[in-house]
Amino acid sequence: MSNKPETIPPQSDTKIFGGGGGSGKTGYDVALGVQTKLWESQNKSTSIHGTATYAQHLGGPYGNSKPNYGGGIGVRFNF
């Protein structure tokens, strides 16, 4: 048995998210995205985040849509 204190791994500043749904008859919608921290002030009160997204409809009676790409930058300030 060790007397070392447990360490908690640092949390990642990157988040990956996605979703989708549909059926073989109507087609499927898919969406994926990622958000990551680009910069943070020394006192951690202000940070800048970047986001990138992708969405597309696949299959169904009208076929595949063109891919839809997006991105953005946000600023977060904690009072």
Protein backbone atom coordinates (compact mmCIF):
# COMPACT_ATOMS: atom_id res chain seq x y z
CA MET A 1 0.00 0.00 0.00
CA SER A 2 1.31 3.40 -1.00
CA ASN A 3 1.03 6.63 0.99
CA LYS A 4 1.14 8.74 -2.18
CA PRO A 5 -1.88 11.03 -2.62
CA GLU A 6 -4.07 10.30 -5.62
CA THR A 7 -3.56 12.63 -8.53
CA ILE A 8 -6.37 13.78 -10.74
CA PRO A 9 -5.44 13.97 -14.42
CA PRO A 10 -5.78 17.45 -15.90
CA GLN A 11 -8.99 18.10 -17.78
CA SER A 12 -8.70 18.54 -21.51
CA ASP A 13 -9.46 21.96 -22.95
CA THR A 14 -10.81 20.29 -26.12
CA LYS A 15 -14.36 19.02 -26.50
CA ILE A 16 -15.64 16.87 -29.37
CA PHE A 17 -19.37 16.64 -29.98
CA GLY A 18 -21.66 15.11 -32.58
CA GLY A 19 -25.09 13.81 -33.36
CA GLY A 20 -27.27 12.44 -36.07
CA GLY A 21 -30.33 10.47 -36.94
CA GLY A 22 -32.69 9.42 -39.68
CA SER A 23 -33.65 6.28 -41.56
CA GLY A 24 -32.81 4.44 -44.76
CA LYS A 25 -36.02 5.77 -46.30
CA THR A 26 -35.52 9.49 -45.60
CA GLY A 27 -31.73 9.66 -45.27
CA TYR A 28 -29.48 10.49 -42.38
CA ASP A 29 -28.36 13.78 -40.87
CA VAL A 30 -24.90 13.88 -39.30
CA ALA A 31 -23.18 16.68 -37.38
CA LEU A 32 -19.73 16.82 -35.80
CA GLY A 33 -17.85 19.57 -34.04
CA VAL A 34 -14.85 20.41 -31.93
CA GLN A 35 -14.19 23.23 -29.49
CA THR A 36 -10.82 24.05 -27.96
CA LYS A 37 -9.30 26.72 -25.76
CA LEU A 38 -6.88 28.85 -27.76
CA TRP A 39 -5.70 31.23 -25.01
CA GLU A 40 -6.27 31.85 -21.30
CA SER A 41 -5.16 34.77 -19.10
CA GLN A 42 -2.82 34.10 -16.17
CA ASN A 43 -5.61 34.61 -13.61
CA LYS A 44 -7.92 32.36 -15.70
CA SER A 45 -10.69 34.98 -15.82
CA THR A 46 -10.56 35.46 -19.60
CA SER A 47 -10.23 32.86 -22.34
CA ILE A 48 -10.61 32.60 -26.10
CA HIS A 49 -12.11 29.47 -27.67
CA GLY A 50 -12.22 28.27 -31.28
CA THR A 51 -14.98 26.07 -32.72
CA ALA A 52 -15.24 24.10 -35.98
CA THR A 53 -18.36 22.22 -37.20
CA TYR A 54 -19.44 19.92 -40.04
CA ALA A 55 -22.98 18.84 -40.98
CA GLN A 56 -24.46 16.95 -43.93
CA HIS A 57 -27.58 15.06 -45.03
CA LEU A 58 -26.77 11.65 -46.52
CA GLY A 59 -29.04 9.48 -48.68
CA GLY A 60 -32.80 9.47 -48.95
CA PRO A 61 -34.96 10.40 -51.96
CA TYR A 62 -33.02 13.63 -52.64
CA GLY A 63 -29.55 12.19 -52.16
CA ASN A 64 -26.63 13.76 -50.35
CA SER A 65 -26.53 17.46 -49.56
CA LYS A 66 -23.39 19.53 -49.90
CA PRO A 67 -21.31 19.48 -46.70
CA ASN A 68 -21.84 22.45 -44.41
CA TYR A 69 -18.70 23.66 -42.62
CA GLY A 70 -18.57 26.34 -39.96
CA GLY A 71 -16.25 27.91 -37.46
CA GLY A 72 -16.09 30.61 -34.89
CA ILE A 73 -14.17 32.29 -32.13
CA GLY A 74 -15.62 33.18 -28.74
CA VAL A 75 -14.41 35.12 -25.74
CA ARG A 76 -15.37 34.09 -22.21
CA PHE A 77 -14.94 36.42 -19.23
CA ASN A 78 -15.68 35.22 -15.68
CA PHE A 79 -16.68 37.95 -13.24
